[in-house]
């Protein structure tokens, strides 16, 4: 156990001294999935069977927000526009240098493939967004919401009860006697999916991955402003191992820096 703790501390020290690059919420795999799940392929491009790849350079600022996205490669204005929209909706853990969040430049690639889009549309349950959805990628603060987001649970079941029923402590964590909590921050989309999952409190031995699995497993009732379904932040806490059981969901969470 001492060797494990020492390794974690040394890893943290290395990151602090040498720094780390900006990282998308959910990692690069999660970013690709976010693009696929939230893509709105222009109808005229589908009719014309226009496909392609858009490559963008953008700056990730100290708050983990993409700014100044620039098209590096892309031949179709409508596809370029959709690529910029998708990138603007992503959120990142900012780059770190000497323990301080700093700006970083990243390259992002988005593929537009009609057949893949149609398969994803069938999987997610919609080809075109509902007219009540806000598709601007704005994230609304809790103070502006007229209805907060919430998890959709079986009738009569609380969030804590649902987590207690579905959470599976990883065998490695059980053997090592790991106890602690994982806290995640994420965006609840207008279609009720969770995206851009960012870890605020990390616990190893597979616990972090299990917390993410549960968050993605849930379907969410999106937040509302008037009659419009909008994006907002959410935060969940999961407890692993012995000690006080803590399962919590905080809707309309207003984060500061991703650091």
C-alpha atoms as a PDB file:
ATOM      1  CA  UNK A   1       0.000   0.000   0.000  1.00  0.00           C
ATOM      2  CA  UNK A   2       2.863   2.394   0.852  1.00  0.00           C
ATOM      3  CA  UNK A   3       4.476   1.713  -2.520  1.00  0.00           C
ATOM      4  CA  UNK A   4       1.170   2.442  -4.260  1.00  0.00           C
ATOM      5  CA  UNK A   5       0.720   5.748  -2.414  1.00  0.00           C
ATOM      6  CA  UNK A   6       4.325   6.727  -3.152  1.00  0.00           C
ATOM      7  CA  UNK A   7       3.825   6.012  -6.853  1.00  0.00           C
ATOM      8  CA  UNK A   8       0.720   8.209  -6.933  1.00  0.00           C
ATOM      9  CA  UNK A   9       2.534  11.045  -5.159  1.00  0.00           C
ATOM     10  CA  UNK A  10       5.517  10.807  -7.504  1.00  0.00           C
ATOM     11  CA  UNK A  11       3.179  10.858 -10.511  1.00  0.00           C
ATOM     12  CA  UNK A  12       1.439  13.957  -9.167  1.00  0.00           C
ATOM     13  CA  UNK A  13       4.799  15.631  -8.520  1.00  0.00           C
ATOM     14  CA  UNK A  14       5.954  14.875 -12.072  1.00  0.00           C
ATOM     15  CA  UNK A  15       2.803  16.437 -13.570  1.00  0.00           C
ATOM     16  CA  UNK A  16       3.184  19.507 -11.354  1.00  0.00           C
ATOM     17  CA  UNK A  17       6.814  20.078 -12.334  1.00  0.00           C
ATOM     18  CA  UNK A  18       6.762  19.130 -16.017  1.00  0.00           C
ATOM     19  CA  UNK A  19       3.189  20.095 -16.808  1.00  0.00           C
ATOM     20  CA  UNK A  20       0.543  18.410 -18.908  1.00  0.00           C
ATOM     21  CA  UNK A  21      -1.274  19.172 -22.133  1.00  0.00           C
ATOM     22  CA  UNK A  22      -4.937  20.119 -22.401  1.00  0.00           C
ATOM     23  CA  UNK A  23      -7.171  17.049 -22.293  1.00  0.00           C
ATOM     24  CA  UNK A  24     -10.808  16.798 -23.431  1.00  0.00           C
ATOM     25  CA  UNK A  25     -13.481  15.818 -20.922  1.00  0.00           C
ATOM     26  CA  UNK A  26     -13.806  12.047 -21.222  1.00  0.00           C
ATOM     27  CA  UNK A  27     -10.427  11.832 -22.967  1.00  0.00           C
ATOM     28  CA  UNK A  28      -9.922  11.760 -26.724  1.00  0.00           C
ATOM     29  CA  UNK A  29     -12.193   8.735 -27.022  1.00  0.00           C
ATOM     30  CA  UNK A  30     -14.913  10.606 -25.144  1.00  0.00           C
ATOM     31  CA  UNK A  31     -14.457  13.647 -27.390  1.00  0.00           C
ATOM     32  CA  UNK A  32     -14.928  11.544 -30.520  1.00  0.00           C
ATOM     33  CA  UNK A  33     -18.060  10.006 -29.011  1.00  0.00           C
ATOM     34  CA  UNK A  34     -19.373  13.469 -28.103  1.00  0.00           C
ATOM     35  CA  UNK A  35     -18.945  14.628 -31.697  1.00  0.00           C
ATOM     36  CA  UNK A  36     -20.790  11.539 -32.984  1.00  0.00           C
ATOM     37  CA  UNK A  37     -23.653  11.767 -30.482  1.00  0.00           C
ATOM     38  CA  UNK A  38     -24.261  15.502 -30.937  1.00  0.00           C
ATOM     39  CA  UNK A  39     -23.539  15.904 -34.662  1.00  0.00           C
ATOM     40  CA  UNK A  40     -26.238  17.516 -36.798  1.00  0.00           C
ATOM     41  CA  UNK A  41     -25.233  16.580 -40.342  1.00  0.00           C
ATOM     42  CA  UNK A  42     -26.473  19.329 -42.706  1.00  0.00           C
ATOM     43  CA  UNK A  43     -29.474  17.975 -44.643  1.00  0.00           C
ATOM     44  CA  UNK A  44     -28.321  19.465 -47.934  1.00  0.00           C
ATOM     45  CA  UNK A  45     -24.955  17.736 -47.552  1.00  0.00           C
ATOM     46  CA  UNK A  46     -26.698  14.386 -47.054  1.00  0.00           C
ATOM     47  CA  UNK A  47     -28.859  14.973 -50.135  1.00  0.00           C
ATOM     48  CA  UNK A  48     -25.750  15.825 -52.161  1.00  0.00           C
ATOM     49  CA  UNK A  49     -23.844  12.894 -50.599  1.00  0.00           C
ATOM     50  CA  UNK A  50     -21.112  15.275 -49.491  1.00  0.00           C
ATOM     51  CA  UNK A  51     -18.652  13.806 -46.984  1.00  0.00           C
ATOM     52  CA  UNK A  52     -15.263  14.846 -45.690  1.00  0.00           C
ATOM     53  CA  UNK A  53     -12.963  15.571 -42.801  1.00  0.00           C
ATOM     54  CA  UNK A  54     -12.577  18.887 -41.023  1.00  0.00           C
ATOM     55  CA  UNK A  55      -9.387  19.656 -39.126  1.00  0.00           C
ATOM     56  CA  UNK A  56      -9.324  22.584 -36.704  1.00  0.00           C
ATOM     57  CA  UNK A  57      -6.690  24.311 -34.624  1.00  0.00           C
ATOM     58  CA  UNK A  58      -8.067  25.873 -31.480  1.00  0.00           C
ATOM     59  CA  UNK A  59      -6.864  27.347 -28.231  1.00  0.00           C
ATOM     60  CA  UNK A  60      -8.002  25.795 -24.955  1.00  0.00           C
ATOM     61  CA  UNK A  61      -8.025  28.601 -22.415  1.00  0.00           C
ATOM     62  CA  UNK A  62      -7.308  28.449 -18.691  1.00  0.00           C
ATOM     63  CA  UNK A  63     -10.934  27.526 -17.952  1.00  0.00           C
ATOM     64  CA  UNK A  64     -10.895  24.569 -20.337  1.00  0.00           C
ATOM     65  CA  UNK A  65     -13.010  26.337 -22.955  1.00  0.00           C
ATOM     66  CA  UNK A  66     -12.119  26.173 -26.694  1.00  0.00           C
ATOM     67  CA  UNK A  67     -11.597  29.615 -28.208  1.00  0.00           C
ATOM     68  CA  UNK A  68     -10.419  30.932 -31.578  1.00  0.00           C
ATOM     69  CA  UNK A  69     -11.160  27.733 -33.515  1.00  0.00           C
ATOM     70  CA  UNK A  70      -9.615  27.956 -36.980  1.00  0.00           C
ATOM     71  CA  UNK A  71     -10.310  25.678 -39.942  1.00  0.00           C
ATOM     72  CA  UNK A  72      -7.044  24.059 -40.963  1.00  0.00           C
ATOM     73  CA  UNK A  73      -8.551  21.619 -43.447  1.00  0.00           C
ATOM     74  CA  UNK A  74     -12.103  21.487 -44.803  1.00  0.00           C
ATOM     75  CA  UNK A  75     -13.734  22.020 -48.197  1.00  0.00           C
ATOM     76  CA  UNK A  76     -17.416  22.466 -47.376  1.00  0.00           C
ATOM     77  CA  UNK A  77     -18.626  25.616 -45.537  1.00  0.00           C
ATOM     78  CA  UNK A  78     -21.621  23.823 -43.978  1.00  0.00           C
ATOM     79  CA  UNK A  79     -19.463  20.984 -42.670  1.00  0.00           C
ATOM     80  CA  UNK A  80     -16.921  23.525 -41.411  1.00  0.00           C
ATOM     81  CA  UNK A  81     -19.699  25.365 -39.567  1.00  0.00           C
ATOM     82  CA  UNK A  82     -20.960  22.183 -37.907  1.00  0.00           C
ATOM     83  CA  UNK A  83     -17.409  21.210 -36.930  1.00  0.00           C
ATOM     84  CA  UNK A  84     -16.923  24.588 -35.242  1.00  0.00           C
ATOM     85  CA  UNK A  85     -20.253  24.197 -33.440  1.00  0.00           C
ATOM     86  CA  UNK A  86     -19.260  20.792 -32.097  1.00  0.00           C
ATOM     87  CA  UNK A  87     -15.829  21.949 -30.942  1.00  0.00           C
ATOM     88  CA  UNK A  88     -17.375  24.956 -29.193  1.00  0.00           C
ATOM     89  CA  UNK A  89     -19.523  22.547 -27.172  1.00  0.00           C
ATOM     90  CA  UNK A  90     -16.592  20.547 -25.832  1.00  0.00           C
ATOM     91  CA  UNK A  91     -15.002  21.193 -22.451  1.00  0.00           C
ATOM     92  CA  UNK A  92     -11.452  20.356 -21.434  1.00  0.00           C
ATOM     93  CA  UNK A  93      -9.097  20.014 -18.517  1.00  0.00           C
ATOM     94  CA  UNK A  94      -6.682  22.883 -19.242  1.00  0.00           C
ATOM     95  CA  UNK A  95      -2.978  22.491 -19.791  1.00  0.00           C
ATOM     96  CA  UNK A  96      -0.904  22.819 -16.637  1.00  0.00           C
ATOM     97  CA  UNK A  97       2.578  24.267 -16.261  1.00  0.00           C
ATOM     98  CA  UNK A  98       4.295  24.597 -12.884  1.00  0.00           C
ATOM     99  CA  UNK A  99       0.991  23.914 -11.169  1.00  0.00           C
ATOM    100  CA  UNK A 100      -0.853  26.675 -13.015  1.00  0.00           C
ATOM    101  CA  UNK A 101      -3.516  26.414 -15.721  1.00  0.00           C
ATOM    102  CA  UNK A 102      -2.265  27.842 -19.017  1.00  0.00           C
ATOM    103  CA  UNK A 103      -3.494  28.168 -22.593  1.00  0.00           C
ATOM    104  CA  UNK A 104      -2.717  25.401 -25.031  1.00  0.00           C
ATOM    105  CA  UNK A 105      -3.237  24.877 -28.763  1.00  0.00           C
ATOM    106  CA  UNK A 106      -4.757  21.603 -29.921  1.00  0.00           C
ATOM    107  CA  UNK A 107      -5.646  20.024 -33.245  1.00  0.00           C
ATOM    108  CA  UNK A 108      -9.075  18.435 -33.549  1.00  0.00           C
ATOM    109  CA  UNK A 109     -10.327  16.248 -36.401  1.00  0.00           C
ATOM    110  CA  UNK A 110     -14.000  15.583 -37.157  1.00  0.00           C
ATOM    111  CA  UNK A 111     -15.130  13.075 -39.767  1.00  0.00           C
ATOM    112  CA  UNK A 112     -18.376  13.529 -41.675  1.00  0.00           C
ATOM    113  CA  UNK A 113     -19.535  10.156 -43.006  1.00  0.00           C
ATOM    114  CA  UNK A 114     -23.179   9.776 -43.992  1.00  0.00           C
ATOM    115  CA  UNK A 115     -23.459   6.042 -43.352  1.00  0.00           C
ATOM    116  CA  UNK A 116     -21.878   6.364 -39.887  1.00  0.00           C
ATOM    117  CA  UNK A 117     -24.128   9.326 -39.125  1.00  0.00           C
ATOM    118  CA  UNK A 118     -27.247   7.367 -40.046  1.00  0.00           C
ATOM    119  CA  UNK A 119     -26.171   4.459 -37.830  1.00  0.00           C
ATOM    120  CA  UNK A 120     -25.519   6.830 -34.926  1.00  0.00           C
ATOM    121  CA  UNK A 121     -28.856   8.572 -35.504  1.00  0.00           C
ATOM    122  CA  UNK A 122     -30.601   5.227 -35.167  1.00  0.00           C
ATOM    123  CA  UNK A 123     -28.638   4.431 -31.999  1.00  0.00           C
ATOM    124  CA  UNK A 124     -29.298   7.777 -30.289  1.00  0.00           C
ATOM    125  CA  UNK A 125     -32.932   7.907 -31.407  1.00  0.00           C
ATOM    126  CA  UNK A 126     -33.010  11.061 -33.544  1.00  0.00           C
ATOM    127  CA  UNK A 127     -31.938  12.143 -37.024  1.00  0.00           C
ATOM    128  CA  UNK A 128     -32.726  15.849 -36.585  1.00  0.00           C
ATOM    129  CA  UNK A 129     -32.855  17.668 -33.238  1.00  0.00           C
ATOM    130  CA  UNK A 130     -36.217  18.351 -31.622  1.00  0.00           C
ATOM    131  CA  UNK A 131     -37.453  21.905 -32.155  1.00  0.00           C
ATOM    132  CA  UNK A 132     -37.435  22.463 -28.375  1.00  0.00           C
ATOM    133  CA  UNK A 133     -33.688  21.792 -28.082  1.00  0.00           C
ATOM    134  CA  UNK A 134     -31.187  24.628 -27.819  1.00  0.00           C
ATOM    135  CA  UNK A 135     -28.470  23.615 -30.301  1.00  0.00           C
ATOM    136  CA  UNK A 136     -26.233  26.672 -29.815  1.00  0.00           C
ATOM    137  CA  UNK A 137     -23.965  24.734 -27.399  1.00  0.00           C
ATOM    138  CA  UNK A 138     -24.467  27.386 -24.720  1.00  0.00           C
ATOM    139  CA  UNK A 139     -24.172  26.037 -21.168  1.00  0.00           C
ATOM    140  CA  UNK A 140     -26.778  27.722 -18.999  1.00  0.00           C
ATOM    141  CA  UNK A 141     -25.992  28.693 -15.387  1.00  0.00           C
ATOM    142  CA  UNK A 142     -28.209  27.350 -12.606  1.00  0.00           C
ATOM    143  CA  UNK A 143     -29.558  30.827 -11.850  1.00  0.00           C
ATOM    144  CA  UNK A 144     -31.124  31.069 -15.323  1.00  0.00           C
ATOM    145  CA  UNK A 145     -32.820  27.653 -15.363  1.00  0.00           C
ATOM    146  CA  UNK A 146     -36.579  27.417 -14.944  1.00  0.00           C
ATOM    147  CA  UNK A 147     -36.337  23.638 -14.434  1.00  0.00           C
ATOM    148  CA  UNK A 148     -33.219  21.817 -13.230  1.00  0.00           C
ATOM    149  CA  UNK A 149     -31.907  18.646 -14.851  1.00  0.00           C
ATOM    150  CA  UNK A 150     -32.397  15.380 -12.995  1.00  0.00           C
ATOM    151  CA  UNK A 151     -31.704  11.678 -13.500  1.00  0.00           C
ATOM    152  CA  UNK A 152     -34.556   9.547 -14.805  1.00  0.00           C
ATOM    153  CA  UNK A 153     -34.980   6.775 -12.228  1.00  0.00           C
ATOM    154  CA  UNK A 154     -37.454   3.933 -11.658  1.00  0.00           C
ATOM    155  CA  UNK A 155     -40.566   5.186  -9.884  1.00  0.00           C
ATOM    156  CA  UNK A 156     -40.025   5.562  -6.153  1.00  0.00           C
ATOM    157  CA  UNK A 157     -36.249   5.076  -6.326  1.00  0.00           C
ATOM    158  CA  UNK A 158     -33.811   7.721  -5.064  1.00  0.00           C
ATOM    159  CA  UNK A 159     -30.480   8.487  -6.720  1.00  0.00           C
ATOM    160  CA  UNK A 160     -28.605   6.978  -3.755  1.00  0.00           C
ATOM    161  CA  UNK A 161     -30.653   3.782  -3.935  1.00  0.00           C
ATOM    162  CA  UNK A 162     -30.063   3.486  -7.690  1.00  0.00           C
ATOM    163  CA  UNK A 163     -26.301   3.880  -7.279  1.00  0.00           C
ATOM    164  CA  UNK A 164     -26.162   1.427  -4.372  1.00  0.00           C
ATOM    165  CA  UNK A 165     -27.953  -1.127  -6.556  1.00  0.00           C
ATOM    166  CA  UNK A 166     -25.834  -0.662  -9.697  1.00  0.00           C
ATOM    167  CA  UNK A 167     -22.364   0.285  -8.416  1.00  0.00           C
ATOM    168  CA  UNK A 168     -19.823  -2.526  -8.651  1.00  0.00           C
ATOM    169  CA  UNK A 169     -16.612  -1.993  -6.700  1.00  0.00           C
ATOM    170  CA  UNK A 170     -13.715  -3.163  -8.918  1.00  0.00           C
ATOM    171  CA  UNK A 171     -12.059  -6.349  -7.656  1.00  0.00           C
ATOM    172  CA  UNK A 172      -8.607  -4.703  -7.622  1.00  0.00           C
ATOM    173  CA  UNK A 173      -9.901  -1.907  -5.380  1.00  0.00           C
ATOM    174  CA  UNK A 174     -11.593  -4.441  -3.103  1.00  0.00           C
ATOM    175  CA  UNK A 175      -8.388  -6.478  -2.733  1.00  0.00           C
ATOM    176  CA  UNK A 176      -6.317  -3.379  -1.976  1.00  0.00           C
ATOM    177  CA  UNK A 177      -8.853  -2.093   0.539  1.00  0.00           C
ATOM    178  CA  UNK A 178      -9.268   1.173  -1.367  1.00  0.00           C
ATOM    179  CA  UNK A 179     -11.846   3.548   0.122  1.00  0.00           C
ATOM    180  CA  UNK A 180     -12.773   7.000  -1.075  1.00  0.00           C
ATOM    181  CA  UNK A 181     -14.909   8.964  -3.465  1.00  0.00           C
ATOM    182  CA  UNK A 182     -15.003   9.856  -7.121  1.00  0.00           C
ATOM    183  CA  UNK A 183     -16.490  13.200  -8.053  1.00  0.00           C
ATOM    184  CA  UNK A 184     -17.390  13.871 -11.674  1.00  0.00           C
ATOM    185  CA  UNK A 185     -18.512  16.986 -13.487  1.00  0.00           C
ATOM    186  CA  UNK A 186     -20.308  16.678 -16.807  1.00  0.00           C
ATOM    187  CA  UNK A 187     -22.696  18.366 -19.210  1.00  0.00           C
ATOM    188  CA  UNK A 188     -26.302  17.211 -19.488  1.00  0.00           C
ATOM    189  CA  UNK A 189     -27.305  17.630 -23.126  1.00  0.00           C
ATOM    190  CA  UNK A 190     -30.780  18.644 -24.386  1.00  0.00           C
ATOM    191  CA  UNK A 191     -31.302  15.046 -25.582  1.00  0.00           C
ATOM    192  CA  UNK A 192     -30.736  13.712 -22.050  1.00  0.00           C
ATOM    193  CA  UNK A 193     -27.243  12.272 -22.472  1.00  0.00           C
ATOM    194  CA  UNK A 194     -24.176  13.015 -20.343  1.00  0.00           C
ATOM    195  CA  UNK A 195     -21.106  14.379 -22.118  1.00  0.00           C
ATOM    196  CA  UNK A 196     -17.706  15.955 -21.447  1.00  0.00           C
ATOM    197  CA  UNK A 197     -17.205  13.984 -18.216  1.00  0.00           C
ATOM    198  CA  UNK A 198     -14.389  15.514 -16.171  1.00  0.00           C
ATOM    199  CA  UNK A 199     -12.943  14.013 -12.995  1.00  0.00           C
ATOM    200  CA  UNK A 200     -12.764  16.426 -10.060  1.00  0.00           C
ATOM    201  CA  UNK A 201     -11.782  13.840  -7.433  1.00  0.00           C
ATOM    202  CA  UNK A 202      -9.990  10.726  -8.651  1.00  0.00           C
ATOM    203  CA  UNK A 203      -9.802   7.243  -7.127  1.00  0.00           C
ATOM    204  CA  UNK A 204      -7.742   4.551  -8.817  1.00  0.00           C
ATOM    205  CA  UNK A 205      -7.955   0.777  -9.223  1.00  0.00           C
ATOM    206  CA  UNK A 206     -10.858   1.078 -11.665  1.00  0.00           C
ATOM    207  CA  UNK A 207     -13.094   3.158  -9.383  1.00  0.00           C
ATOM    208  CA  UNK A 208     -12.964   6.202 -11.650  1.00  0.00           C
ATOM    209  CA  UNK A 209     -13.963   4.122 -14.665  1.00  0.00           C
ATOM    210  CA  UNK A 210     -16.869   2.575 -12.731  1.00  0.00           C
ATOM    211  CA  UNK A 211     -18.147   6.021 -11.745  1.00  0.00           C
ATOM    212  CA  UNK A 212     -18.026   7.133 -15.384  1.00  0.00           C
ATOM    213  CA  UNK A 213     -19.851   3.960 -16.450  1.00  0.00           C
ATOM    214  CA  UNK A 214     -22.707   4.708 -14.062  1.00  0.00           C
ATOM    215  CA  UNK A 215     -22.913   8.346 -15.169  1.00  0.00           C
ATOM    216  CA  UNK A 216     -23.143   7.336 -18.825  1.00  0.00           C
ATOM    217  CA  UNK A 217     -25.610   4.561 -17.974  1.00  0.00           C
ATOM    218  CA  UNK A 218     -28.180   7.009 -16.645  1.00  0.00           C
ATOM    219  CA  UNK A 219     -30.653   8.832 -18.852  1.00  0.00           C
ATOM    220  CA  UNK A 220     -31.240  12.431 -17.809  1.00  0.00           C
ATOM    221  CA  UNK A 221     -34.199  14.789 -17.943  1.00  0.00           C
ATOM    222  CA  UNK A 222     -32.579  17.928 -19.378  1.00  0.00           C
ATOM    223  CA  UNK A 223     -32.743  21.372 -17.842  1.00  0.00           C
ATOM    224  CA  UNK A 224     -35.196  23.902 -19.233  1.00  0.00           C
ATOM    225  CA  UNK A 225     -35.341  27.631 -19.828  1.00  0.00           C
ATOM    226  CA  UNK A 226     -38.958  28.407 -20.553  1.00  0.00           C
ATOM    227  CA  UNK A 227     -40.075  25.682 -22.938  1.00  0.00           C
ATOM    228  CA  UNK A 228     -36.607  25.143 -24.333  1.00  0.00           C
ATOM    229  CA  UNK A 229     -34.403  22.205 -23.315  1.00  0.00           C
ATOM    230  CA  UNK A 230     -30.867  23.430 -22.683  1.00  0.00           C
ATOM    231  CA  UNK A 231     -27.386  22.317 -21.687  1.00  0.00           C
ATOM    232  CA  UNK A 232     -26.257  22.602 -18.091  1.00  0.00           C
ATOM    233  CA  UNK A 233     -23.575  21.269 -15.800  1.00  0.00           C
ATOM    234  CA  UNK A 234     -24.190  18.407 -13.396  1.00  0.00           C
ATOM    235  CA  UNK A 235     -22.012  16.901 -10.693  1.00  0.00           C
ATOM    236  CA  UNK A 236     -22.120  13.421  -9.155  1.00  0.00           C
ATOM    237  CA  UNK A 237     -20.259  11.856  -6.226  1.00  0.00           C
ATOM    238  CA  UNK A 238     -19.768   8.104  -5.768  1.00  0.00           C
ATOM    239  CA  UNK A 239     -18.307   6.401  -2.691  1.00  0.00           C
ATOM    240  CA  UNK A 240     -16.255   3.202  -2.879  1.00  0.00           C
ATOM    241  CA  UNK A 241     -15.148   0.871  -0.086  1.00  0.00           C
ATOM    242  CA  UNK A 242     -15.787   1.119   3.622  1.00  0.00           C
ATOM    243  CA  UNK A 243     -16.935   4.190   5.478  1.00  0.00           C
ATOM    244  CA  UNK A 244     -19.757   6.650   4.982  1.00  0.00           C
ATOM    245  CA  UNK A 245     -21.740   5.882   1.852  1.00  0.00           C
ATOM    246  CA  UNK A 246     -22.027   9.062  -0.202  1.00  0.00           C
ATOM    247  CA  UNK A 247     -23.946   9.136  -3.459  1.00  0.00           C
ATOM    248  CA  UNK A 248     -24.969  12.603  -4.538  1.00  0.00           C
ATOM    249  CA  UNK A 249     -26.202  14.419  -7.628  1.00  0.00           C
ATOM    250  CA  UNK A 250     -26.003  18.201  -7.850  1.00  0.00           C
ATOM    251  CA  UNK A 251     -27.996  19.673 -10.768  1.00  0.00           C
ATOM    252  CA  UNK A 252     -27.176  22.988 -12.396  1.00  0.00           C
ATOM    253  CA  UNK A 253     -23.647  22.912 -11.004  1.00  0.00           C
ATOM    254  CA  UNK A 254     -21.659  26.064 -11.827  1.00  0.00           C
ATOM    255  CA  UNK A 255     -17.965  25.171 -12.118  1.00  0.00           C
ATOM    256  CA  UNK A 256     -14.992  27.455 -12.116  1.00  0.00           C
ATOM    257  CA  UNK A 257     -11.747  26.326 -13.700  1.00  0.00           C
ATOM    258  CA  UNK A 258     -11.395  22.715 -14.794  1.00  0.00           C
ATOM    259  CA  UNK A 259      -8.181  22.528 -12.759  1.00  0.00           C
END
